[in-house]
PDB file of N, CA and C in Angstrom:
ATOM      1  N   MET A   1     -35.961 -10.814  50.669  1.00  0.00           N
ATOM      2  CA  MET A   1     -36.210 -10.973  49.253  1.00  0.00           C
ATOM      3  C   MET A   1     -34.983 -10.546  48.441  1.00  0.00           C
ATOM      4  N   ARG A   2     -34.228  -9.583  48.988  1.00  0.00           N
ATOM      5  CA  ARG A   2     -32.983  -9.196  48.327  1.00  0.00           C
ATOM      6  C   ARG A   2     -32.038 -10.387  48.234  1.00  0.00           C
ATOM      7  N   ALA A   3     -31.964 -11.165  49.319  1.00  0.00           N
ATOM      8  CA  ALA A   3     -31.084 -12.336  49.343  1.00  0.00           C
ATOM      9  C   ALA A   3     -31.514 -13.374  48.314  1.00  0.00           C
ATOM     10  N   TRP A   4     -32.803 -13.381  47.976  1.00  0.00           N
ATOM     11  CA  TRP A   4     -33.311 -14.308  46.969  1.00  0.00           C
ATOM     12  C   TRP A   4     -33.057 -13.800  45.551  1.00  0.00           C
ATOM     13  N   GLY A   5     -32.567 -12.559  45.422  1.00  0.00           N
ATOM     14  CA  GLY A   5     -32.310 -11.988  44.107  1.00  0.00           C
ATOM     15  C   GLY A   5     -33.541 -11.384  43.452  1.00  0.00           C
ATOM     16  N   GLU A   6     -34.548 -11.070  44.254  1.00  0.00           N
ATOM     17  CA  GLU A   6     -35.769 -10.474  43.704  1.00  0.00           C
ATOM     18  C   GLU A   6     -35.497  -9.032  43.289  1.00  0.00           C
ATOM     19  N   PRO A   7     -36.115  -8.569  42.194  1.00  0.00           N
ATOM     20  CA  PRO A   7     -35.907  -7.190  41.746  1.00  0.00           C
ATOM     21  C   PRO A   7     -36.527  -6.179  42.718  1.00  0.00           C
ATOM     22  N   ALA A   8     -35.995  -4.965  42.688  1.00  0.00           N
ATOM     23  CA  ALA A   8     -36.440  -3.904  43.599  1.00  0.00           C
ATOM     24  C   ALA A   8     -37.942  -3.648  43.486  1.00  0.00           C
ATOM     25  N   GLU A   9     -38.493  -3.702  42.270  1.00  0.00           N
ATOM     26  CA  GLU A   9     -39.933  -3.443  42.093  1.00  0.00           C
ATOM     27  C   GLU A   9     -40.772  -4.470  42.842  1.00  0.00           C
ATOM     28  N   ARG A  10     -40.347  -5.712  42.801  1.00  0.00           N
ATOM     29  CA  ARG A  10     -41.092  -6.772  43.492  1.00  0.00           C
ATOM     30  C   ARG A  10     -40.966  -6.618  45.011  1.00  0.00           C
ATOM     31  N   ILE A  11     -39.795  -6.208  45.465  1.00  0.00           N
ATOM     32  CA  ILE A  11     -39.594  -5.980  46.899  1.00  0.00           C
ATOM     33  C   ILE A  11     -40.483  -4.837  47.377  1.00  0.00           C
ATOM     34  N   GLU A  12     -40.560  -3.768  46.605  1.00  0.00           N
ATOM     35  CA  GLU A  12     -41.421  -2.634  46.966  1.00  0.00           C
ATOM     36  C   GLU A  12     -42.888  -3.048  46.981  1.00  0.00           C
ATOM     37  N   ALA A  13     -43.306  -3.814  45.989  1.00  0.00           N
ATOM     38  CA  ALA A  13     -44.694  -4.294  45.953  1.00  0.00           C
ATOM     39  C   ALA A  13     -44.982  -5.173  47.165  1.00  0.00           C
ATOM     40  N   ALA A  14     -44.045  -6.043  47.509  1.00  0.00           N
ATOM     41  CA  ALA A  14     -44.230  -6.914  48.673  1.00  0.00           C
ATOM     42  C   ALA A  14     -44.350  -6.098  49.952  1.00  0.00           C
ATOM     43  N   ALA A  15     -43.536  -5.060  50.091  1.00  0.00           N
ATOM     44  CA  ALA A  15     -43.597  -4.215  51.289  1.00  0.00           C
ATOM     45  C   ALA A  15     -44.963  -3.546  51.414  1.00  0.00           C
ATOM     46  N   LEU A  16     -45.504  -3.056  50.315  1.00  0.00           N
ATOM     47  CA  LEU A  16     -46.834  -2.435  50.345  1.00  0.00           C
ATOM     48  C   LEU A  16     -47.918  -3.451  50.679  1.00  0.00           C
ATOM     49  N   ILE A  17     -47.833  -4.625  50.083  1.00  0.00           N
ATOM     50  CA  ILE A  17     -48.834  -5.666  50.342  1.00  0.00           C
ATOM     51  C   ILE A  17     -48.786  -6.096  51.805  1.00  0.00           C
ATOM     52  N   VAL A  18     -47.589  -6.327  52.329  1.00  0.00           N
ATOM     53  CA  VAL A  18     -47.460  -6.712  53.740  1.00  0.00           C
ATOM     54  C   VAL A  18     -48.061  -5.627  54.629  1.00  0.00           C
ATOM     55  N   THR A  19     -47.751  -4.373  54.344  1.00  0.00           N
ATOM     56  CA  THR A  19     -48.290  -3.267  55.135  1.00  0.00           C
ATOM     57  C   THR A  19     -49.810  -3.282  55.136  1.00  0.00           C
ATOM     58  N   GLU A  20     -50.418  -3.450  53.982  1.00  0.00           N
ATOM     59  CA  GLU A  20     -51.883  -3.435  53.889  1.00  0.00           C
ATOM     60  C   GLU A  20     -52.505  -4.628  54.601  1.00  0.00           C
ATOM     61  N   LEU A  21     -51.954  -5.817  54.396  1.00  0.00           N
ATOM     62  CA  LEU A  21     -52.546  -7.008  55.007  1.00  0.00           C
ATOM     63  C   LEU A  21     -52.373  -7.021  56.524  1.00  0.00           C
ATOM     64  N   VAL A  22     -51.221  -6.594  56.999  1.00  0.00           N
ATOM     65  CA  VAL A  22     -51.013  -6.532  58.450  1.00  0.00           C
ATOM     66  C   VAL A  22     -51.893  -5.446  59.059  1.00  0.00           C
ATOM     67  N   THR A  23     -52.013  -4.310  58.402  1.00  0.00           N
ATOM     68  CA  THR A  23     -52.899  -3.244  58.891  1.00  0.00           C
ATOM     69  C   THR A  23     -54.324  -3.746  59.004  1.00  0.00           C
ATOM     70  N   ASN A  24     -54.802  -4.461  58.000  1.00  0.00           N
ATOM     71  CA  ASN A  24     -56.157  -5.029  58.070  1.00  0.00           C
ATOM     72  C   ASN A  24     -56.290  -5.973  59.257  1.00  0.00           C
ATOM     73  N   ALA A  25     -55.291  -6.807  59.469  1.00  0.00           N
ATOM     74  CA  ALA A  25     -55.355  -7.752  60.588  1.00  0.00           C
ATOM     75  C   ALA A  25     -55.387  -7.013  61.924  1.00  0.00           C
ATOM     76  N   VAL A  26     -54.598  -5.959  62.052  1.00  0.00           N
ATOM     77  CA  VAL A  26     -54.576  -5.178  63.295  1.00  0.00           C
ATOM     78  C   VAL A  26     -55.915  -4.489  63.517  1.00  0.00           C
ATOM     79  N   GLN A  27     -56.468  -3.891  62.466  1.00  0.00           N
ATOM     80  CA  GLN A  27     -57.703  -3.116  62.593  1.00  0.00           C
ATOM     81  C   GLN A  27     -58.941  -3.975  62.775  1.00  0.00           C
ATOM     82  N   HIS A  28     -58.946  -5.169  62.219  1.00  0.00           N
ATOM     83  CA  HIS A  28     -60.192  -5.935  62.166  1.00  0.00           C
ATOM     84  C   HIS A  28     -60.200  -7.199  63.017  1.00  0.00           C
ATOM     85  N   THR A  29     -59.207  -7.356  63.888  1.00  0.00           N
ATOM     86  CA  THR A  29     -59.206  -8.520  64.771  1.00  0.00           C
ATOM     87  C   THR A  29     -58.997  -8.075  66.211  1.00  0.00           C
ATOM     88  N   SER A  30     -59.294  -8.965  67.106  1.00  0.00           N
ATOM     89  CA  SER A  30     -59.151  -8.666  68.531  1.00  0.00           C
ATOM     90  C   SER A  30     -57.834  -9.184  69.096  1.00  0.00           C
ATOM     91  N   THR A  31     -56.980  -9.678  68.263  1.00  0.00           N
ATOM     92  CA  THR A  31     -55.733 -10.281  68.743  1.00  0.00           C
ATOM     93  C   THR A  31     -54.533  -9.401  68.434  1.00  0.00           C
ATOM     94  N   ARG A  32     -53.501  -9.592  69.192  1.00  0.00           N
ATOM     95  CA  ARG A  32     -52.218  -8.952  68.895  1.00  0.00           C
ATOM     96  C   ARG A  32     -51.265  -9.972  68.278  1.00  0.00           C
ATOM     97  N   ARG A  33     -51.745 -11.167  68.083  1.00  0.00           N
ATOM     98  CA  ARG A  33     -50.919 -12.238  67.513  1.00  0.00           C
ATOM     99  C   ARG A  33     -51.162 -12.311  66.015  1.00  0.00           C
ATOM    100  N   ILE A  34     -50.261 -11.728  65.283  1.00  0.00           N
ATOM    101  CA  ILE A  34     -50.341 -11.704  63.822  1.00  0.00           C
ATOM    102  C   ILE A  34     -49.005 -12.211  63.301  1.00  0.00           C
ATOM    103  N   ARG A  35     -49.071 -13.118  62.355  1.00  0.00           N
ATOM    104  CA  ARG A  35     -47.853 -13.707  61.793  1.00  0.00           C
ATOM    105  C   ARG A  35     -47.797 -13.382  60.299  1.00  0.00           C
ATOM    106  N   CYS A  36     -46.618 -12.989  59.850  1.00  0.00           N
ATOM    107  CA  CYS A  36     -46.400 -12.719  58.431  1.00  0.00           C
ATOM    108  C   CYS A  36     -45.275 -13.625  57.958  1.00  0.00           C
ATOM    109  N   ARG A  37     -45.486 -14.232  56.803  1.00  0.00           N
ATOM    110  CA  ARG A  37     -44.479 -15.151  56.273  1.00  0.00           C
ATOM    111  C   ARG A  37     -44.384 -14.965  54.767  1.00  0.00           C
ATOM    112  N   LEU A  38     -43.182 -14.972  54.236  1.00  0.00           N
ATOM    113  CA  LEU A  38     -42.945 -14.933  52.800  1.00  0.00           C
ATOM    114  C   LEU A  38     -42.400 -16.280  52.377  1.00  0.00           C
ATOM    115  N   LEU A  39     -43.005 -16.842  51.354  1.00  0.00           N
ATOM    116  CA  LEU A  39     -42.593 -18.147  50.844  1.00  0.00           C
ATOM    117  C   LEU A  39     -42.098 -17.972  49.416  1.00  0.00           C
ATOM    118  N   ARG A  40     -40.981 -18.594  49.116  1.00  0.00           N
ATOM    119  CA  ARG A  40     -40.397 -18.514  47.776  1.00  0.00           C
ATOM    120  C   ARG A  40     -40.644 -19.817  47.046  1.00  0.00           C
ATOM    121  N   SER A  41     -41.040 -19.714  45.778  1.00  0.00           N
ATOM    122  CA  SER A  41     -41.230 -20.903  44.951  1.00  0.00           C
ATOM    123  C   SER A  41     -40.758 -20.588  43.538  1.00  0.00           C
ATOM    124  N   ALA A  42     -40.821 -21.580  42.672  1.00  0.00           N
ATOM    125  CA  ALA A  42     -40.433 -21.375  41.277  1.00  0.00           C
ATOM    126  C   ALA A  42     -41.346 -20.365  40.593  1.00  0.00           C
ATOM    127  N   GLU A  43     -42.597 -20.261  41.065  1.00  0.00           N
ATOM    128  CA  GLU A  43     -43.566 -19.342  40.462  1.00  0.00           C
ATOM    129  C   GLU A  43     -43.397 -17.909  40.940  1.00  0.00           C
ATOM    130  N   GLY A  44     -42.749 -17.693  42.074  1.00  0.00           N
ATOM    131  CA  GLY A  44     -42.587 -16.342  42.607  1.00  0.00           C
ATOM    132  C   GLY A  44     -42.576 -16.343  44.119  1.00  0.00           C
ATOM    133  N   VAL A  45     -43.191 -15.329  44.699  1.00  0.00           N
ATOM    134  CA  VAL A  45     -43.210 -15.151  46.149  1.00  0.00           C
ATOM    135  C   VAL A  45     -44.652 -15.111  46.622  1.00  0.00           C
ATOM    136  N   ARG A  46     -44.945 -15.824  47.697  1.00  0.00           N
ATOM    137  CA  ARG A  46     -46.270 -15.779  48.325  1.00  0.00           C
ATOM    138  C   ARG A  46     -46.131 -15.106  49.682  1.00  0.00           C
ATOM    139  N   ILE A  47     -46.964 -14.110  49.911  1.00  0.00           N
ATOM    140  CA  ILE A  47     -47.028 -13.408  51.188  1.00  0.00           C
ATOM    141  C   ILE A  47     -48.224 -13.962  51.941  1.00  0.00           C
ATOM    142  N   CYS A  48     -48.019 -14.363  53.181  1.00  0.00           N
ATOM    143  CA  CYS A  48     -49.108 -14.884  54.019  1.00  0.00           C
ATOM    144  C   CYS A  48     -49.177 -14.064  55.298  1.00  0.00           C
ATOM    145  N   VAL A  49     -50.364 -13.586  55.629  1.00  0.00           N
ATOM    146  CA  VAL A  49     -50.591 -12.895  56.901  1.00  0.00           C
ATOM    147  C   VAL A  49     -51.697 -13.649  57.607  1.00  0.00           C
ATOM    148  N   TRP A  50     -51.395 -14.105  58.812  1.00  0.00           N
ATOM    149  CA  TRP A  50     -52.324 -14.933  59.575  1.00  0.00           C
ATOM    150  C   TRP A  50     -52.549 -14.279  60.918  1.00  0.00           C
ATOM    151  N   ASN A  51     -53.796 -14.241  61.345  1.00  0.00           N
ATOM    152  CA  ASN A  51     -54.084 -13.740  62.684  1.00  0.00           C
ATOM    153  C   ASN A  51     -54.776 -14.839  63.454  1.00  0.00           C
ATOM    154  N   ARG A  52     -54.623 -14.802  64.752  1.00  0.00           N
ATOM    155  CA  ARG A  52     -55.199 -15.837  65.593  1.00  0.00           C
ATOM    156  C   ARG A  52     -56.244 -15.222  66.513  1.00  0.00           C
ATOM    157  N   GLY A  53     -57.165 -14.504  65.914  1.00  0.00           N
ATOM    158  CA  GLY A  53     -58.231 -13.901  66.697  1.00  0.00           C
ATOM    159  C   GLY A  53     -59.185 -14.951  67.218  1.00  0.00           C
ATOM    160  N   ARG A  54     -59.779 -14.675  68.373  1.00  0.00           N
ATOM    161  CA  ARG A  54     -60.736 -15.621  68.948  1.00  0.00           C
ATOM    162  C   ARG A  54     -62.095 -15.515  68.283  1.00  0.00           C
ATOM    163  N   ALA A  55     -62.452 -14.338  67.864  1.00  0.00           N
ATOM    164  CA  ALA A  55     -63.756 -14.155  67.218  1.00  0.00           C
ATOM    165  C   ALA A  55     -63.667 -14.585  65.763  1.00  0.00           C
ATOM    166  N   ARG A  56     -64.796 -14.982  65.209  1.00  0.00           N
ATOM    167  CA  ARG A  56     -64.837 -15.288  63.775  1.00  0.00           C
ATOM    168  C   ARG A  56     -64.630 -13.986  63.023  1.00  0.00           C
ATOM    169  N   ILE A  57     -63.754 -14.006  62.079  1.00  0.00           N
ATOM    170  CA  ILE A  57     -63.430 -12.804  61.324  1.00  0.00           C
ATOM    171  C   ILE A  57     -64.032 -12.934  59.942  1.00  0.00           C
ATOM    172  N   PRO A  58     -64.843 -11.963  59.529  1.00  0.00           N
ATOM    173  CA  PRO A  58     -65.439 -12.067  58.204  1.00  0.00           C
ATOM    174  C   PRO A  58     -64.376 -11.973  57.119  1.00  0.00           C
ATOM    175  N   ALA A  59     -64.597 -12.669  56.032  1.00  0.00           N
ATOM    176  CA  ALA A  59     -63.681 -12.595  54.902  1.00  0.00           C
ATOM    177  C   ALA A  59     -63.710 -11.189  54.333  1.00  0.00           C
ATOM    178  N   PRO A  60     -62.566 -10.662  53.876  1.00  0.00           N
ATOM    179  CA  PRO A  60     -62.571  -9.345  53.263  1.00  0.00           C
ATOM    180  C   PRO A  60     -63.458  -9.346  52.027  1.00  0.00           C
ATOM    181  N   ALA A  61     -64.092  -8.223  51.776  1.00  0.00           N
ATOM    182  CA  ALA A  61     -64.896  -8.083  50.564  1.00  0.00           C
ATOM    183  C   ALA A  61     -63.970  -8.162  49.364  1.00  0.00           C
ATOM    184  N   SER A  62     -64.534  -8.504  48.224  1.00  0.00           N
ATOM    185  CA  SER A  62     -63.713  -8.498  47.016  1.00  0.00           C
ATOM    186  C   SER A  62     -63.286  -7.066  46.746  1.00  0.00           C
ATOM    187  N   PRO A  63     -62.184  -6.851  46.039  1.00  0.00           N
ATOM    188  CA  PRO A  63     -61.738  -5.487  45.783  1.00  0.00           C
ATOM    189  C   PRO A  63     -62.809  -4.624  45.129  1.00  0.00           C
ATOM    190  N   ALA A  64     -63.572  -5.176  44.215  1.00  0.00           N
ATOM    191  CA  ALA A  64     -64.619  -4.380  43.572  1.00  0.00           C
ATOM    192  C   ALA A  64     -65.689  -3.992  44.578  1.00  0.00           C
ATOM    193  N   ASP A  65     -66.049  -4.915  45.473  1.00  0.00           N
ATOM    194  CA  ASP A  65     -67.087  -4.630  46.454  1.00  0.00           C
ATOM    195  C   ASP A  65     -66.635  -3.603  47.478  1.00  0.00           C
ATOM    196  N   SER A  66     -65.372  -3.624  47.864  1.00  0.00           N
ATOM    197  CA  SER A  66     -64.922  -2.746  48.934  1.00  0.00           C
ATOM    198  C   SER A  66     -64.962  -1.283  48.520  1.00  0.00           C
ATOM    199  N   ALA A  67     -64.817  -0.985  47.250  1.00  0.00           N
ATOM    200  CA  ALA A  67     -64.834   0.404  46.801  1.00  0.00           C
ATOM    201  C   ALA A  67     -66.105   0.746  46.058  1.00  0.00           C
ATOM    202  N   GLY A  68     -66.865  -0.254  45.665  1.00  0.00           N
ATOM    203  CA  GLY A  68     -68.044   0.010  44.866  1.00  0.00           C
ATOM    204  C   GLY A  68     -67.708   0.313  43.421  1.00  0.00           C
ATOM    205  N   LEU A  69     -66.484   0.059  43.030  1.00  0.00           N
ATOM    206  CA  LEU A  69     -66.042   0.321  41.665  1.00  0.00           C
ATOM    207  C   LEU A  69     -65.489  -0.966  41.075  1.00  0.00           C
ATOM    208  N   PRO A  70     -65.591  -1.129  39.761  1.00  0.00           N
ATOM    209  CA  PRO A  70     -64.996  -2.318  39.151  1.00  0.00           C
ATOM    210  C   PRO A  70     -63.488  -2.339  39.385  1.00  0.00           C
ATOM    211  N   VAL A  71     -62.920  -3.523  39.504  1.00  0.00           N
ATOM    212  CA  VAL A  71     -61.482  -3.667  39.720  1.00  0.00           C
ATOM    213  C   VAL A  71     -60.729  -3.005  38.573  1.00  0.00           C
ATOM    214  N   GLY A  72     -59.694  -2.254  38.920  1.00  0.00           N
ATOM    215  CA  GLY A  72     -58.853  -1.627  37.915  1.00  0.00           C
ATOM    216  C   GLY A  72     -59.378  -0.312  37.381  1.00  0.00           C
ATOM    217  N   ARG A  73     -60.529   0.152  37.851  1.00  0.00           N
ATOM    218  CA  ARG A  73     -61.105   1.389  37.344  1.00  0.00           C
ATOM    219  C   ARG A  73     -60.730   2.541  38.262  1.00  0.00           C
ATOM    220  N   VAL A  74     -60.165   3.589  37.700  1.00  0.00           N
ATOM    221  CA  VAL A  74     -59.845   4.790  38.459  1.00  0.00           C
ATOM    222  C   VAL A  74     -61.123   5.603  38.603  1.00  0.00           C
ATOM    223  N   PRO A  75     -61.432   6.132  39.797  1.00  0.00           N
ATOM    224  CA  PRO A  75     -62.654   6.911  39.973  1.00  0.00           C
ATOM    225  C   PRO A  75     -62.692   8.116  39.043  1.00  0.00           C
ATOM    226  N   ALA A  76     -63.810   8.311  38.385  1.00  0.00           N
ATOM    227  CA  ALA A  76     -64.023   9.476  37.526  1.00  0.00           C
ATOM    228  C   ALA A  76     -64.582  10.611  38.365  1.00  0.00           C
ATOM    229  N   ALA A  77     -64.620  11.823  37.795  1.00  0.00           N
ATOM    230  CA  ALA A  77     -65.149  12.981  38.520  1.00  0.00           C
ATOM    231  C   ALA A  77     -66.569  12.725  38.999  1.00  0.00           C
ATOM    232  N   ALA A  78     -67.372  12.031  38.195  1.00  0.00           N
ATOM    233  CA  ALA A  78     -68.758  11.739  38.578  1.00  0.00           C
ATOM    234  C   ALA A  78     -68.818  10.876  39.830  1.00  0.00           C
ATOM    235  N   ASP A  79     -67.804  10.057  40.047  1.00  0.00           N
ATOM    236  CA  ASP A  79     -67.765   9.208  41.239  1.00  0.00           C
ATOM    237  C   ASP A  79     -67.558  10.029  42.506  1.00  0.00           C
ATOM    238  N   LEU A  80     -67.023  11.230  42.359  1.00  0.00           N
ATOM    239  CA  LEU A  80     -66.696  12.051  43.514  1.00  0.00           C
ATOM    240  C   LEU A  80     -67.842  12.954  43.947  1.00  0.00           C
ATOM    241  N   GLU A  81     -68.954  12.947  43.226  1.00  0.00           N
ATOM    242  CA  GLU A  81     -70.080  13.824  43.543  1.00  0.00           C
ATOM    243  C   GLU A  81     -70.968  13.213  44.608  1.00  0.00           C
ATOM    244  N   GLY A  82     -71.416  14.054  45.536  1.00  0.00           N
ATOM    245  CA  GLY A  82     -72.409  13.624  46.518  1.00  0.00           C
ATOM    246  C   GLY A  82     -71.807  12.978  47.744  1.00  0.00           C
ATOM    247  N   ASP A  83     -72.565  13.032  48.840  1.00  0.00           N
ATOM    248  CA  ASP A  83     -72.107  12.471  50.111  1.00  0.00           C
ATOM    249  C   ASP A  83     -71.894  10.967  50.041  1.00  0.00           C
ATOM    250  N   LYS A  84     -72.752  10.266  49.307  1.00  0.00           N
ATOM    251  CA  LYS A  84     -72.627   8.810  49.229  1.00  0.00           C
ATOM    252  C   LYS A  84     -71.293   8.422  48.589  1.00  0.00           C
ATOM    253  N   ALA A  85     -70.931   9.117  47.504  1.00  0.00           N
ATOM    254  CA  ALA A  85     -69.665   8.831  46.835  1.00  0.00           C
ATOM    255  C   ALA A  85     -68.485   9.146  47.745  1.00  0.00           C
ATOM    256  N   LEU A  86     -68.586  10.220  48.525  1.00  0.00           N
ATOM    257  CA  LEU A  86     -67.488  10.560  49.427  1.00  0.00           C
ATOM    258  C   LEU A  86     -67.267   9.459  50.446  1.00  0.00           C
ATOM    259  N   GLY A  87     -68.346   8.828  50.897  1.00  0.00           N
ATOM    260  CA  GLY A  87     -68.210   7.701  51.811  1.00  0.00           C
ATOM    261  C   GLY A  87     -67.492   6.543  51.152  1.00  0.00           C
ATOM    262  N   ARG A  88     -67.813   6.283  49.887  1.00  0.00           N
ATOM    263  CA  ARG A  88     -67.169   5.180  49.167  1.00  0.00           C
ATOM    264  C   ARG A  88     -65.702   5.457  48.915  1.00  0.00           C
ATOM    265  N   LEU A  89     -65.332   6.730  48.801  1.00  0.00           N
ATOM    266  CA  LEU A  89     -63.969   7.084  48.433  1.00  0.00           C
ATOM    267  C   LEU A  89     -63.197   7.672  49.614  1.00  0.00           C
ATOM    268  N   SER A  90     -63.562   7.299  50.818  1.00  0.00           N
ATOM    269  CA  SER A  90     -62.874   7.794  52.006  1.00  0.00           C
ATOM    270  C   SER A  90     -61.468   7.206  52.083  1.00  0.00           C
ATOM    271  N   GLU A  91     -60.696   7.667  53.067  1.00  0.00           N
ATOM    272  CA  GLU A  91     -59.317   7.196  53.207  1.00  0.00           C
ATOM    273  C   GLU A  91     -59.219   5.706  53.452  1.00  0.00           C
ATOM    274  N   ASP A  92     -60.066   5.173  54.294  1.00  0.00           N
ATOM    275  CA  ASP A  92     -60.023   3.751  54.619  1.00  0.00           C
ATOM    276  C   ASP A  92     -60.661   2.918  53.522  1.00  0.00           C
ATOM    277  N   GLY A  93     -60.308   1.654  53.488  1.00  0.00           N
ATOM    278  CA  GLY A  93     -60.967   0.723  52.586  1.00  0.00           C
ATOM    279  C   GLY A  93     -60.329   0.563  51.233  1.00  0.00           C
ATOM    280  N   ARG A  94     -59.165   1.116  51.022  1.00  0.00           N
ATOM    281  CA  ARG A  94     -58.508   0.991  49.720  1.00  0.00           C
ATOM    282  C   ARG A  94     -57.390  -0.040  49.730  1.00  0.00           C
ATOM    283  N   GLY A  95     -57.093  -0.609  50.881  1.00  0.00           N
ATOM    284  CA  GLY A  95     -55.966  -1.527  50.983  1.00  0.00           C
ATOM    285  C   GLY A  95     -56.066  -2.725  50.074  1.00  0.00           C
ATOM    286  N   LEU A  96     -57.241  -3.337  50.007  1.00  0.00           N
ATOM    287  CA  LEU A  96     -57.378  -4.523  49.161  1.00  0.00           C
ATOM    288  C   LEU A  96     -57.383  -4.166  47.679  1.00  0.00           C
ATOM    289  N   LEU A  97     -57.773  -2.943  47.340  1.00  0.00           N
ATOM    290  CA  LEU A  97     -57.631  -2.500  45.948  1.00  0.00           C
ATOM    291  C   LEU A  97     -56.151  -2.427  45.579  1.00  0.00           C
ATOM    292  N   LEU A  98     -55.345  -1.932  46.496  1.00  0.00           N
ATOM    293  CA  LEU A  98     -53.904  -1.862  46.273  1.00  0.00           C
ATOM    294  C   LEU A  98     -53.312  -3.265  46.156  1.00  0.00           C
ATOM    295  N   VAL A  99     -53.710  -4.149  47.053  1.00  0.00           N
ATOM    296  CA  VAL A  99     -53.245  -5.540  46.995  1.00  0.00           C
ATOM    297  C   VAL A  99     -53.632  -6.152  45.653  1.00  0.00           C
ATOM    298  N   ASP A 100     -54.866  -5.926  45.219  1.00  0.00           N
ATOM    299  CA  ASP A 100     -55.339  -6.478  43.952  1.00  0.00           C
ATOM    300  C   ASP A 100     -54.534  -5.941  42.768  1.00  0.00           C
ATOM    301  N   ALA A 101     -54.150  -4.677  42.832  1.00  0.00           N
ATOM    302  CA  ALA A 101     -53.384  -4.074  41.739  1.00  0.00           C
ATOM    303  C   ALA A 101     -51.945  -4.590  41.698  1.00  0.00           C
ATOM    304  N   LEU A 102     -51.367  -4.874  42.845  1.00  0.00           N
ATOM    305  CA  LEU A 102     -49.956  -5.267  42.905  1.00  0.00           C
ATOM    306  C   LEU A 102     -49.720  -6.767  42.805  1.00  0.00           C
ATOM    307  N   ALA A 103     -50.651  -7.557  43.294  1.00  0.00           N
ATOM    308  CA  ALA A 103     -50.470  -9.014  43.338  1.00  0.00           C
ATOM    309  C   ALA A 103     -50.949  -9.664  42.043  1.00  0.00           C
ATOM    310  N   ALA A 104     -50.317 -10.769  41.687  1.00  0.00           N
ATOM    311  CA  ALA A 104     -50.802 -11.562  40.550  1.00  0.00           C
ATOM    312  C   ALA A 104     -52.162 -12.165  40.895  1.00  0.00           C
ATOM    313  N   ARG A 105     -52.313 -12.559  42.151  1.00  0.00           N
ATOM    314  CA  ARG A 105     -53.590 -13.064  42.682  1.00  0.00           C
ATOM    315  C   ARG A 105     -53.494 -13.014  44.200  1.00  0.00           C
ATOM    316  N   TRP A 106     -54.649 -12.989  44.851  1.00  0.00           N
ATOM    317  CA  TRP A 106     -54.678 -12.997  46.308  1.00  0.00           C
ATOM    318  C   TRP A 106     -55.968 -13.647  46.754  1.00  0.00           C
ATOM    319  N   GLY A 107     -55.993 -14.033  48.014  1.00  0.00           N
ATOM    320  CA  GLY A 107     -57.198 -14.667  48.529  1.00  0.00           C
ATOM    321  C   GLY A 107     -57.160 -14.762  50.036  1.00  0.00           C
ATOM    322  N   THR A 108     -58.175 -15.388  50.567  1.00  0.00           N
ATOM    323  CA  THR A 108     -58.303 -15.518  52.012  1.00  0.00           C
ATOM    324  C   THR A 108     -58.989 -16.830  52.330  1.00  0.00           C
ATOM    325  N   ARG A 109     -58.697 -17.341  53.508  1.00  0.00           N
ATOM    326  CA  ARG A 109     -59.408 -18.537  53.964  1.00  0.00           C
ATOM    327  C   ARG A 109     -59.441 -18.535  55.483  1.00  0.00           C
ATOM    328  N   ALA A 110     -60.481 -19.139  56.011  1.00  0.00           N
ATOM    329  CA  ALA A 110     -60.602 -19.264  57.459  1.00  0.00           C
ATOM    330  C   ALA A 110     -59.588 -20.286  57.940  1.00  0.00           C
ATOM    331  N   ALA A 111     -58.987 -20.013  59.068  1.00  0.00           N
ATOM    332  CA  ALA A 111     -58.087 -20.957  59.721  1.00  0.00           C
ATOM    333  C   ALA A 111     -58.821 -21.520  60.934  1.00  0.00           C
ATOM    334  N   LEU A 112     -58.204 -22.444  61.646  1.00  0.00           N
ATOM    335  CA  LEU A 112     -58.848 -23.013  62.833  1.00  0.00           C
ATOM    336  C   LEU A 112     -59.262 -21.923  63.810  1.00  0.00           C
ATOM    337  N   ALA A 113     -58.402 -20.962  63.999  1.00  0.00           N
ATOM    338  CA  ALA A 113     -58.713 -19.828  64.869  1.00  0.00           C
ATOM    339  C   ALA A 113     -58.185 -18.579  64.184  1.00  0.00           C
ATOM    340  N   GLY A 114     -59.019 -17.900  63.457  1.00  0.00           N
ATOM    341  CA  GLY A 114     -58.592 -16.689  62.778  1.00  0.00           C
ATOM    342  C   GLY A 114     -58.733 -16.785  61.273  1.00  0.00           C
ATOM    343  N   ARG A 115     -57.849 -16.088  60.581  1.00  0.00           N
ATOM    344  CA  ARG A 115     -57.932 -15.995  59.133  1.00  0.00           C
ATOM    345  C   ARG A 115     -56.538 -15.871  58.543  1.00  0.00           C
ATOM    346  N   LEU A 116     -56.367 -16.465  57.362  1.00  0.00           N
ATOM    347  CA  LEU A 116     -55.139 -16.352  56.588  1.00  0.00           C
ATOM    348  C   LEU A 116     -55.479 -15.578  55.323  1.00  0.00           C
ATOM    349  N   VAL A 117     -54.706 -14.542  55.045  1.00  0.00           N
ATOM    350  CA  VAL A 117     -54.832 -13.803  53.786  1.00  0.00           C
ATOM    351  C   VAL A 117     -53.488 -13.934  53.086  1.00  0.00           C
ATOM    352  N   TRP A 118     -53.523 -14.243  51.790  1.00  0.00           N
ATOM    353  CA  TRP A 118     -52.291 -14.463  51.041  1.00  0.00           C
ATOM    354  C   TRP A 118     -52.314 -13.652  49.754  1.00  0.00           C
ATOM    355  N   ALA A 119     -51.124 -13.376  49.239  1.00  0.00           N
ATOM    356  CA  ALA A 119     -50.982 -12.674  47.959  1.00  0.00           C
ATOM    357  C   ALA A 119     -49.753 -13.225  47.251  1.00  0.00           C
ATOM    358  N   ASP A 120     -49.900 -13.471  45.963  1.00  0.00           N
ATOM    359  CA  ASP A 120     -48.787 -13.977  45.152  1.00  0.00           C
ATOM    360  C   ASP A 120     -48.220 -12.867  44.285  1.00  0.00           C
ATOM    361  N   LEU A 121     -46.898 -12.815  44.226  1.00  0.00           N
ATOM    362  CA  LEU A 121     -46.194 -11.880  43.340  1.00  0.00           C
ATOM    363  C   LEU A 121     -45.476 -12.661  42.271  1.00  0.00           C
TER     364      LEU A 121
END
């Protein structure tokens, strides 16, 4: 991305998004075959992470669903009370919230064998 003349902030955002999407693919698929590709266009950069798992892979929950909080909302103190809230705010499960915050848009689709997740910067 440096060779494309992209600003440092966009490169850092892309690195975080790639890390989150590849981590999800590693954790939630049975394959070791994961492909990451960055595509450049007039609109910006598209990050694509594709896995070729043999099992059907469920689509990731929407960012709001994965945390139980509306998109863009920082958890308030009341959200941290009780065992149920602690489960919602555990270490895992925040990757797509981060992707949602950094990307202009992102999505997922089933591939012939596996799943493609993409994010636009």
